[in-house]
Amino acid sequence: MASRANLFWMIFDGILLTSSGTGNSASRGFNLSGAAELSHVTIRNFEIHDCYDGIWAISGSDNVLIENNLIHDDAGEHNIYVGQSSGSSGTWPA
């Protein structure tokens, strides 16, 4: 099994994401749930449309900044979903 990477001190800026229109959960716009841990990650100036969900970040996460994004016409339940994985304690500070 491949190990999951940690994302620390990364900035994602100015990206246009659109889906092929399948409308299933595999077509998430910006999916960070494969990361083992997210810390000090910035997601800004995106346009995301026609995906299942816009931004998906389910990991042990802290200091995630999501700003100035346009997310529309998604088929799923969430435009932005940020949470914790089952392995994280949910307490702050970690």
PDB file of N, CA and C in Angstrom:
ATOM      1  N   MET A   1       0.837  -1.168   0.000  1.00  0.00           N
ATOM      2  CA  MET A   1       0.000   0.000   0.000  1.00  0.00           C
ATOM      3  C   MET A   1       0.889   1.242   0.000  1.00  0.00           C
ATOM      4  N   ALA A   2       0.550   2.188  -0.817  1.00  0.00           N
ATOM      5  CA  ALA A   2       1.333   3.424  -0.901  1.00  0.00           C
ATOM      6  C   ALA A   2       1.085   4.285   0.327  1.00  0.00           C
ATOM      7  N   SER A   3       2.126   4.963   0.787  1.00  0.00           N
ATOM      8  CA  SER A   3       1.955   5.862   1.926  1.00  0.00           C
ATOM      9  C   SER A   3       1.358   7.177   1.455  1.00  0.00           C
ATOM     10  N   ARG A   4       0.623   7.823   2.346  1.00  0.00           N
ATOM     11  CA  ARG A   4       0.009   9.105   2.019  1.00  0.00           C
ATOM     12  C   ARG A   4       0.967  10.223   2.393  1.00  0.00           C
ATOM     13  N   ALA A   5       1.028  11.230   1.557  1.00  0.00           N
ATOM     14  CA  ALA A   5       1.948  12.352   1.770  1.00  0.00           C
ATOM     15  C   ALA A   5       1.336  13.363   2.726  1.00  0.00           C
ATOM     16  N   ASN A   6       2.193  14.088   3.405  1.00  0.00           N
ATOM     17  CA  ASN A   6       1.778  15.232   4.206  1.00  0.00           C
ATOM     18  C   ASN A   6       1.911  16.484   3.354  1.00  0.00           C
ATOM     19  N   LEU A   7       0.991  17.419   3.509  1.00  0.00           N
ATOM     20  CA  LEU A   7       1.068  18.699   2.807  1.00  0.00           C
ATOM     21  C   LEU A   7       1.252  19.798   3.840  1.00  0.00           C
ATOM     22  N   PHE A   8       2.423  20.416   3.838  1.00  0.00           N
ATOM     23  CA  PHE A   8       2.729  21.490   4.764  1.00  0.00           C
ATOM     24  C   PHE A   8       3.173  22.722   3.988  1.00  0.00           C
ATOM     25  N   TRP A   9       2.696  23.891   4.403  1.00  0.00           N
ATOM     26  CA  TRP A   9       3.134  25.179   3.872  1.00  0.00           C
ATOM     27  C   TRP A   9       3.045  25.223   2.339  1.00  0.00           C
ATOM     28  N   MET A  10       1.870  24.903   1.804  1.00  0.00           N
ATOM     29  CA  MET A  10       1.667  24.934   0.359  1.00  0.00           C
ATOM     30  C   MET A  10       0.602  25.965   0.018  1.00  0.00           C
ATOM     31  N   ILE A  11       0.769  26.632  -1.125  1.00  0.00           N
ATOM     32  CA  ILE A  11      -0.212  27.593  -1.631  1.00  0.00           C
ATOM     33  C   ILE A  11      -0.638  27.136  -3.016  1.00  0.00           C
ATOM     34  N   PHE A  12      -1.945  26.967  -3.194  1.00  0.00           N
ATOM     35  CA  PHE A  12      -2.523  26.665  -4.496  1.00  0.00           C
ATOM     36  C   PHE A  12      -3.304  27.906  -4.898  1.00  0.00           C
ATOM     37  N   ASP A  13      -2.951  28.518  -6.039  1.00  0.00           N
ATOM     38  CA  ASP A  13      -3.482  29.835  -6.381  1.00  0.00           C
ATOM     39  C   ASP A  13      -3.833  29.905  -7.869  1.00  0.00           C
ATOM     40  N   GLY A  14      -5.035  30.399  -8.158  1.00  0.00           N
ATOM     41  CA  GLY A  14      -5.428  30.735  -9.518  1.00  0.00           C
ATOM     42  C   GLY A  14      -5.616  29.553 -10.443  1.00  0.00           C
ATOM     43  N   ILE A  15      -6.478  28.622 -10.083  1.00  0.00           N
ATOM     44  CA  ILE A  15      -6.673  27.412 -10.892  1.00  0.00           C
ATOM     45  C   ILE A  15      -8.134  27.315 -11.303  1.00  0.00           C
ATOM     46  N   LEU A  16      -8.379  26.950 -12.557  1.00  0.00           N
ATOM     47  CA  LEU A  16      -9.718  26.676 -13.058  1.00  0.00           C
ATOM     48  C   LEU A  16      -9.878  25.171 -13.153  1.00  0.00           C
ATOM     49  N   LEU A  17     -10.884  24.626 -12.457  1.00  0.00           N
ATOM     50  CA  LEU A  17     -11.145  23.192 -12.477  1.00  0.00           C
ATOM     51  C   LEU A  17     -12.575  22.945 -12.920  1.00  0.00           C
ATOM     52  N   THR A  18     -12.743  22.040 -13.859  1.00  0.00           N
ATOM     53  CA  THR A  18     -14.075  21.634 -14.289  1.00  0.00           C
ATOM     54  C   THR A  18     -14.067  20.129 -14.518  1.00  0.00           C
ATOM     55  N   SER A  19     -15.225  19.526 -14.368  1.00  0.00           N
ATOM     56  CA  SER A  19     -15.323  18.077 -14.500  1.00  0.00           C
ATOM     57  C   SER A  19     -15.776  17.695 -15.902  1.00  0.00           C
ATOM     58  N   SER A  20     -15.593  16.431 -16.219  1.00  0.00           N
ATOM     59  CA  SER A  20     -16.072  15.919 -17.496  1.00  0.00           C
ATOM     60  C   SER A  20     -17.582  15.753 -17.493  1.00  0.00           C
ATOM     61  N   GLY A  21     -18.194  16.002 -16.325  1.00  0.00           N
ATOM     62  CA  GLY A  21     -19.640  15.945 -16.256  1.00  0.00           C
ATOM     63  C   GLY A  21     -20.197  14.610 -15.812  1.00  0.00           C
ATOM     64  N   THR A  22     -19.369  13.729 -15.245  1.00  0.00           N
ATOM     65  CA  THR A  22     -19.877  12.435 -14.804  1.00  0.00           C
ATOM     66  C   THR A  22     -20.786  12.562 -13.600  1.00  0.00           C
ATOM     67  N   GLY A  23     -20.567  13.586 -12.775  1.00  0.00           N
ATOM     68  CA  GLY A  23     -21.429  13.839 -11.643  1.00  0.00           C
ATOM     69  C   GLY A  23     -21.293  12.860 -10.489  1.00  0.00           C
ATOM     70  N   ASN A  24     -20.293  11.985 -10.505  1.00  0.00           N
ATOM     71  CA  ASN A  24     -20.121  11.065  -9.374  1.00  0.00           C
ATOM     72  C   ASN A  24     -19.022  11.571  -8.451  1.00  0.00           C
ATOM     73  N   SER A  25     -18.886  10.933  -7.300  1.00  0.00           N
ATOM     74  CA  SER A  25     -17.958  11.426  -6.285  1.00  0.00           C
ATOM     75  C   SER A  25     -16.496  11.348  -6.714  1.00  0.00           C
ATOM     76  N   ALA A  26     -16.193  10.627  -7.755  1.00  0.00           N
ATOM     77  CA  ALA A  26     -14.818  10.581  -8.258  1.00  0.00           C
ATOM     78  C   ALA A  26     -14.430  11.870  -8.959  1.00  0.00           C
ATOM     79  N   SER A  27     -15.404  12.715  -9.238  1.00  0.00           N
ATOM     80  CA  SER A  27     -15.116  13.956  -9.979  1.00  0.00           C
ATOM     81  C   SER A  27     -15.083  15.169  -9.058  1.00  0.00           C
ATOM     82  N   ARG A  28     -14.497  15.003  -7.869  1.00  0.00           N
ATOM     83  CA  ARG A  28     -14.343  16.150  -6.968  1.00  0.00           C
ATOM     84  C   ARG A  28     -13.369  17.140  -7.593  1.00  0.00           C
ATOM     85  N   GLY A  29     -13.636  18.414  -7.413  1.00  0.00           N
ATOM     86  CA  GLY A  29     -12.805  19.441  -8.027  1.00  0.00           C
ATOM     87  C   GLY A  29     -11.377  19.449  -7.512  1.00  0.00           C
ATOM     88  N   PHE A  30     -11.197  19.741  -6.231  1.00  0.00           N
ATOM     89  CA  PHE A  30      -9.865  19.814  -5.624  1.00  0.00           C
ATOM     90  C   PHE A  30      -9.905  18.926  -4.398  1.00  0.00           C
ATOM     91  N   ASN A  31      -9.355  17.736  -4.520  1.00  0.00           N
ATOM     92  CA  ASN A  31      -9.494  16.700  -3.503  1.00  0.00           C
ATOM     93  C   ASN A  31      -8.169  16.507  -2.776  1.00  0.00           C
ATOM     94  N   LEU A  32      -8.132  16.931  -1.519  1.00  0.00           N
ATOM     95  CA  LEU A  32      -6.927  16.776  -0.708  1.00  0.00           C
ATOM     96  C   LEU A  32      -7.050  15.638   0.295  1.00  0.00           C
ATOM     97  N   SER A  33      -8.057  14.806   0.159  1.00  0.00           N
ATOM     98  CA  SER A  33      -8.286  13.766   1.160  1.00  0.00           C
ATOM     99  C   SER A  33      -7.244  12.661   1.121  1.00  0.00           C
ATOM    100  N   GLY A  34      -6.413  12.605   0.107  1.00  0.00           N
ATOM    101  CA  GLY A  34      -5.351  11.608   0.055  1.00  0.00           C
ATOM    102  C   GLY A  34      -4.157  11.957   0.924  1.00  0.00           C
ATOM    103  N   ALA A  35      -4.106  13.188   1.421  1.00  0.00           N
ATOM    104  CA  ALA A  35      -2.987  13.604   2.270  1.00  0.00           C
ATOM    105  C   ALA A  35      -3.153  13.011   3.663  1.00  0.00           C
ATOM    106  N   ALA A  36      -2.068  12.614   4.256  1.00  0.00           N
ATOM    107  CA  ALA A  36      -2.112  12.100   5.621  1.00  0.00           C
ATOM    108  C   ALA A  36      -2.382  13.227   6.607  1.00  0.00           C
ATOM    109  N   GLU A  37      -1.834  14.396   6.329  1.00  0.00           N
ATOM    110  CA  GLU A  37      -2.004  15.536   7.215  1.00  0.00           C
ATOM    111  C   GLU A  37      -1.891  16.823   6.403  1.00  0.00           C
ATOM    112  N   LEU A  38      -2.732  17.803   6.719  1.00  0.00           N
ATOM    113  CA  LEU A  38      -2.693  19.116   6.069  1.00  0.00           C
ATOM    114  C   LEU A  38      -2.360  20.157   7.117  1.00  0.00           C
ATOM    115  N   SER A  39      -1.382  20.997   6.845  1.00  0.00           N
ATOM    116  CA  SER A  39      -1.048  22.060   7.774  1.00  0.00           C
ATOM    117  C   SER A  39      -0.531  23.261   7.005  1.00  0.00           C
ATOM    118  N   HIS A  40      -1.119  24.420   7.277  1.00  0.00           N
ATOM    119  CA  HIS A  40      -0.726  25.668   6.629  1.00  0.00           C
ATOM    120  C   HIS A  40      -0.845  25.556   5.105  1.00  0.00           C
ATOM    121  N   VAL A  41      -2.022  25.148   4.657  1.00  0.00           N
ATOM    122  CA  VAL A  41      -2.319  25.029   3.227  1.00  0.00           C
ATOM    123  C   VAL A  41      -3.291  26.139   2.848  1.00  0.00           C
ATOM    124  N   THR A  42      -3.001  26.849   1.755  1.00  0.00           N
ATOM    125  CA  THR A  42      -3.856  27.919   1.259  1.00  0.00           C
ATOM    126  C   THR A  42      -4.415  27.523  -0.104  1.00  0.00           C
ATOM    127  N   ILE A  43      -5.727  27.691  -0.259  1.00  0.00           N
ATOM    128  CA  ILE A  43      -6.418  27.429  -1.521  1.00  0.00           C
ATOM    129  C   ILE A  43      -7.152  28.717  -1.872  1.00  0.00           C
ATOM    130  N   ARG A  44      -6.713  29.408  -2.922  1.00  0.00           N
ATOM    131  CA  ARG A  44      -7.326  30.696  -3.233  1.00  0.00           C
ATOM    132  C   ARG A  44      -7.383  30.956  -4.736  1.00  0.00           C
ATOM    133  N   ASN A  45      -8.320  31.820  -5.092  1.00  0.00           N
ATOM    134  CA  ASN A  45      -8.498  32.283  -6.478  1.00  0.00           C
ATOM    135  C   ASN A  45      -8.788  31.147  -7.449  1.00  0.00           C
ATOM    136  N   PHE A  46      -9.568  30.165  -7.006  1.00  0.00           N
ATOM    137  CA  PHE A  46      -9.996  29.061  -7.867  1.00  0.00           C
ATOM    138  C   PHE A  46     -11.352  29.393  -8.472  1.00  0.00           C
ATOM    139  N   GLU A  47     -11.625  28.822  -9.635  1.00  0.00           N
ATOM    140  CA  GLU A  47     -12.993  28.672 -10.115  1.00  0.00           C
ATOM    141  C   GLU A  47     -13.176  27.182 -10.338  1.00  0.00           C
ATOM    142  N   ILE A  48     -14.166  26.624  -9.671  1.00  0.00           N
ATOM    143  CA  ILE A  48     -14.445  25.195  -9.750  1.00  0.00           C
ATOM    144  C   ILE A  48     -15.915  25.048 -10.112  1.00  0.00           C
ATOM    145  N   HIS A  49     -16.193  24.277 -11.179  1.00  0.00           N
ATOM    146  CA  HIS A  49     -17.595  24.090 -11.548  1.00  0.00           C
ATOM    147  C   HIS A  49     -17.830  22.740 -12.207  1.00  0.00           C
ATOM    148  N   ASP A  50     -19.080  22.315 -12.128  1.00  0.00           N
ATOM    149  CA  ASP A  50     -19.542  21.068 -12.747  1.00  0.00           C
ATOM    150  C   ASP A  50     -18.818  19.828 -12.219  1.00  0.00           C
ATOM    151  N   CYS A  51     -18.399  19.885 -10.980  1.00  0.00           N
ATOM    152  CA  CYS A  51     -17.790  18.729 -10.325  1.00  0.00           C
ATOM    153  C   CYS A  51     -18.812  18.143  -9.359  1.00  0.00           C
ATOM    154  N   TYR A  52     -18.463  17.060  -8.696  1.00  0.00           N
ATOM    155  CA  TYR A  52     -19.349  16.519  -7.663  1.00  0.00           C
ATOM    156  C   TYR A  52     -19.295  17.405  -6.417  1.00  0.00           C
ATOM    157  N   ASP A  53     -18.105  17.658  -5.915  1.00  0.00           N
ATOM    158  CA  ASP A  53     -17.871  18.597  -4.822  1.00  0.00           C
ATOM    159  C   ASP A  53     -16.738  19.517  -5.246  1.00  0.00           C
ATOM    160  N   GLY A  54     -16.724  20.740  -4.714  1.00  0.00           N
ATOM    161  CA  GLY A  54     -15.711  21.712  -5.114  1.00  0.00           C
ATOM    162  C   GLY A  54     -14.353  21.473  -4.480  1.00  0.00           C
ATOM    163  N   ILE A  55     -14.249  21.707  -3.176  1.00  0.00           N
ATOM    164  CA  ILE A  55     -13.003  21.498  -2.436  1.00  0.00           C
ATOM    165  C   ILE A  55     -13.292  20.465  -1.349  1.00  0.00           C
ATOM    166  N   TRP A  56     -12.490  19.424  -1.306  1.00  0.00           N
ATOM    167  CA  TRP A  56     -12.699  18.301  -0.388  1.00  0.00           C
ATOM    168  C   TRP A  56     -11.399  18.070   0.361  1.00  0.00           C
ATOM    169  N   ALA A  57     -11.402  18.308   1.654  1.00  0.00           N
ATOM    170  CA  ALA A  57     -10.183  18.149   2.459  1.00  0.00           C
ATOM    171  C   ALA A  57     -10.528  17.405   3.749  1.00  0.00           C
ATOM    172  N   ILE A  58     -10.504  16.088   3.689  1.00  0.00           N
ATOM    173  CA  ILE A  58     -10.774  15.256   4.865  1.00  0.00           C
ATOM    174  C   ILE A  58      -9.446  14.664   5.288  1.00  0.00           C
ATOM    175  N   SER A  59      -8.807  15.259   6.198  1.00  0.00           N
ATOM    176  CA  SER A  59      -7.525  14.785   6.727  1.00  0.00           C
ATOM    177  C   SER A  59      -7.354  15.415   8.090  1.00  0.00           C
ATOM    178  N   GLY A  60      -6.374  14.969   8.844  1.00  0.00           N
ATOM    179  CA  GLY A  60      -6.025  15.694  10.053  1.00  0.00           C
ATOM    180  C   GLY A  60      -5.514  17.051   9.600  1.00  0.00           C
ATOM    181  N   SER A  61      -6.296  18.093   9.801  1.00  0.00           N
ATOM    182  CA  SER A  61      -5.956  19.378   9.193  1.00  0.00           C
ATOM    183  C   SER A  61      -5.953  20.502  10.218  1.00  0.00           C
ATOM    184  N   ASP A  62      -5.038  21.439  10.019  1.00  0.00           N
ATOM    185  CA  ASP A  62      -5.038  22.670  10.793  1.00  0.00           C
ATOM    186  C   ASP A  62      -4.460  23.774   9.935  1.00  0.00           C
ATOM    187  N   ASN A  63      -4.898  24.989  10.202  1.00  0.00           N
ATOM    188  CA  ASN A  63      -4.430  26.164   9.468  1.00  0.00           C
ATOM    189  C   ASN A  63      -4.626  26.019   7.963  1.00  0.00           C
ATOM    190  N   VAL A  64      -5.815  25.615   7.563  1.00  0.00           N
ATOM    191  CA  VAL A  64      -6.175  25.559   6.149  1.00  0.00           C
ATOM    192  C   VAL A  64      -6.963  26.827   5.835  1.00  0.00           C
ATOM    193  N   LEU A  65      -6.457  27.629   4.904  1.00  0.00           N
ATOM    194  CA  LEU A  65      -7.101  28.875   4.505  1.00  0.00           C
ATOM    195  C   LEU A  65      -7.706  28.689   3.117  1.00  0.00           C
ATOM    196  N   ILE A  66      -9.012  28.929   3.017  1.00  0.00           N
ATOM    197  CA  ILE A  66      -9.724  28.852   1.735  1.00  0.00           C
ATOM    198  C   ILE A  66     -10.331  30.228   1.511  1.00  0.00           C
ATOM    199  N   GLU A  67      -9.858  30.938   0.459  1.00  0.00           N
ATOM    200  CA  GLU A  67     -10.319  32.311   0.257  1.00  0.00           C
ATOM    201  C   GLU A  67     -10.461  32.664  -1.209  1.00  0.00           C
ATOM    202  N   ASN A  68     -11.434  33.534  -1.483  1.00  0.00           N
ATOM    203  CA  ASN A  68     -11.640  34.126  -2.808  1.00  0.00           C
ATOM    204  C   ASN A  68     -11.791  33.076  -3.905  1.00  0.00           C
ATOM    205  N   ASN A  69     -12.660  32.091  -3.661  1.00  0.00           N
ATOM    206  CA  ASN A  69     -12.917  31.033  -4.638  1.00  0.00           C
ATOM    207  C   ASN A  69     -14.343  31.143  -5.150  1.00  0.00           C
ATOM    208  N   LEU A  70     -14.543  30.829  -6.421  1.00  0.00           N
ATOM    209  CA  LEU A  70     -15.867  30.771  -7.020  1.00  0.00           C
ATOM    210  C   LEU A  70     -16.156  29.303  -7.318  1.00  0.00           C
ATOM    211  N   ILE A  71     -17.138  28.748  -6.612  1.00  0.00           N
ATOM    212  CA  ILE A  71     -17.472  27.329  -6.764  1.00  0.00           C
ATOM    213  C   ILE A  71     -18.957  27.251  -7.076  1.00  0.00           C
ATOM    214  N   HIS A  72     -19.308  26.636  -8.211  1.00  0.00           N
ATOM    215  CA  HIS A  72     -20.709  26.647  -8.629  1.00  0.00           C
ATOM    216  C   HIS A  72     -21.051  25.438  -9.490  1.00  0.00           C
ATOM    217  N   ASP A  73     -22.344  25.176  -9.570  1.00  0.00           N
ATOM    218  CA  ASP A  73     -22.913  24.123 -10.418  1.00  0.00           C
ATOM    219  C   ASP A  73     -22.336  22.741 -10.111  1.00  0.00           C
ATOM    220  N   ASP A  74     -22.104  22.469  -8.832  1.00  0.00           N
ATOM    221  CA  ASP A  74     -21.635  21.143  -8.435  1.00  0.00           C
ATOM    222  C   ASP A  74     -22.830  20.222  -8.228  1.00  0.00           C
ATOM    223  N   ALA A  75     -22.640  18.937  -8.471  1.00  0.00           N
ATOM    224  CA  ALA A  75     -23.722  17.959  -8.396  1.00  0.00           C
ATOM    225  C   ALA A  75     -23.824  17.287  -7.034  1.00  0.00           C
ATOM    226  N   GLY A  76     -22.821  17.426  -6.192  1.00  0.00           N
ATOM    227  CA  GLY A  76     -22.791  16.707  -4.920  1.00  0.00           C
ATOM    228  C   GLY A  76     -23.441  17.467  -3.783  1.00  0.00           C
ATOM    229  N   GLU A  77     -23.056  17.085  -2.573  1.00  0.00           N
ATOM    230  CA  GLU A  77     -23.645  17.663  -1.378  1.00  0.00           C
ATOM    231  C   GLU A  77     -22.940  18.930  -0.916  1.00  0.00           C
ATOM    232  N   HIS A  78     -21.671  19.102  -1.238  1.00  0.00           N
ATOM    233  CA  HIS A  78     -20.879  20.173  -0.653  1.00  0.00           C
ATOM    234  C   HIS A  78     -20.111  20.935  -1.731  1.00  0.00           C
ATOM    235  N   ASN A  79     -20.051  22.243  -1.572  1.00  0.00           N
ATOM    236  CA  ASN A  79     -19.118  23.010  -2.385  1.00  0.00           C
ATOM    237  C   ASN A  79     -17.745  23.009  -1.728  1.00  0.00           C
ATOM    238  N   ILE A  80     -17.720  23.142  -0.414  1.00  0.00           N
ATOM    239  CA  ILE A  80     -16.467  23.050   0.346  1.00  0.00           C
ATOM    240  C   ILE A  80     -16.717  22.138   1.535  1.00  0.00           C
ATOM    241  N   TYR A  81     -15.866  21.130   1.699  1.00  0.00           N
ATOM    242  CA  TYR A  81     -15.984  20.217   2.835  1.00  0.00           C
ATOM    243  C   TYR A  81     -14.601  20.047   3.443  1.00  0.00           C
ATOM    244  N   VAL A  82     -14.451  20.502   4.673  1.00  0.00           N
ATOM    245  CA  VAL A  82     -13.182  20.377   5.389  1.00  0.00           C
ATOM    246  C   VAL A  82     -13.479  19.658   6.689  1.00  0.00           C
ATOM    247  N   GLY A  83     -12.727  18.615   6.991  1.00  0.00           N
ATOM    248  CA  GLY A  83     -12.986  17.868   8.210  1.00  0.00           C
ATOM    249  C   GLY A  83     -11.770  17.100   8.656  1.00  0.00           C
ATOM    250  N   GLN A  84     -12.004  16.164   9.528  1.00  0.00           N
ATOM    251  CA  GLN A  84     -10.929  15.365  10.098  1.00  0.00           C
ATOM    252  C   GLN A  84     -11.115  13.917   9.698  1.00  0.00           C
ATOM    253  N   SER A  85     -10.018  13.213   9.585  1.00  0.00           N
ATOM    254  CA  SER A  85     -10.103  11.786   9.324  1.00  0.00           C
ATOM    255  C   SER A  85     -10.423  11.066  10.631  1.00  0.00           C
ATOM    256  N   SER A  86     -10.813   9.826  10.534  1.00  0.00           N
ATOM    257  CA  SER A  86     -11.165   9.074  11.730  1.00  0.00           C
ATOM    258  C   SER A  86      -9.963   8.844  12.630  1.00  0.00           C
ATOM    259  N   GLY A  87      -8.750   8.945  12.104  1.00  0.00           N
ATOM    260  CA  GLY A  87      -7.552   8.724  12.897  1.00  0.00           C
ATOM    261  C   GLY A  87      -7.070   9.926  13.669  1.00  0.00           C
ATOM    262  N   SER A  88      -7.662  11.111  13.448  1.00  0.00           N
ATOM    263  CA  SER A  88      -7.192  12.296  14.148  1.00  0.00           C
ATOM    264  C   SER A  88      -8.047  12.545  15.379  1.00  0.00           C
ATOM    265  N   SER A  89      -7.491  13.209  16.359  1.00  0.00           N
ATOM    266  CA  SER A  89      -8.149  13.372  17.654  1.00  0.00           C
ATOM    267  C   SER A  89      -9.231  14.453  17.639  1.00  0.00           C
ATOM    268  N   GLY A  90      -9.142  15.391  16.726  1.00  0.00           N
ATOM    269  CA  GLY A  90     -10.101  16.480  16.699  1.00  0.00           C
ATOM    270  C   GLY A  90      -9.818  17.556  17.745  1.00  0.00           C
ATOM    271  N   THR A  91      -8.710  17.461  18.429  1.00  0.00           N
ATOM    272  CA  THR A  91      -8.375  18.459  19.427  1.00  0.00           C
ATOM    273  C   THR A  91      -7.358  19.442  18.878  1.00  0.00           C
ATOM    274  N   TRP A  92      -7.357  20.638  19.431  1.00  0.00           N
ATOM    275  CA  TRP A  92      -6.396  21.642  19.000  1.00  0.00           C
ATOM    276  C   TRP A  92      -5.759  22.228  20.250  1.00  0.00           C
ATOM    277  N   PRO A  93      -4.499  22.487  20.263  1.00  0.00           N
ATOM    278  CA  PRO A  93      -3.527  22.130  19.227  1.00  0.00           C
ATOM    279  C   PRO A  93      -3.220  20.645  19.261  1.00  0.00           C
ATOM    280  N   ALA A  94      -2.726  20.169  18.134  1.00  0.00           N
ATOM    281  CA  ALA A  94      -2.447  18.731  17.999  1.00  0.00           C
ATOM    282  C   ALA A  94      -1.285  18.324  18.886  1.00  0.00           C
TER     283      ALA A  94
END
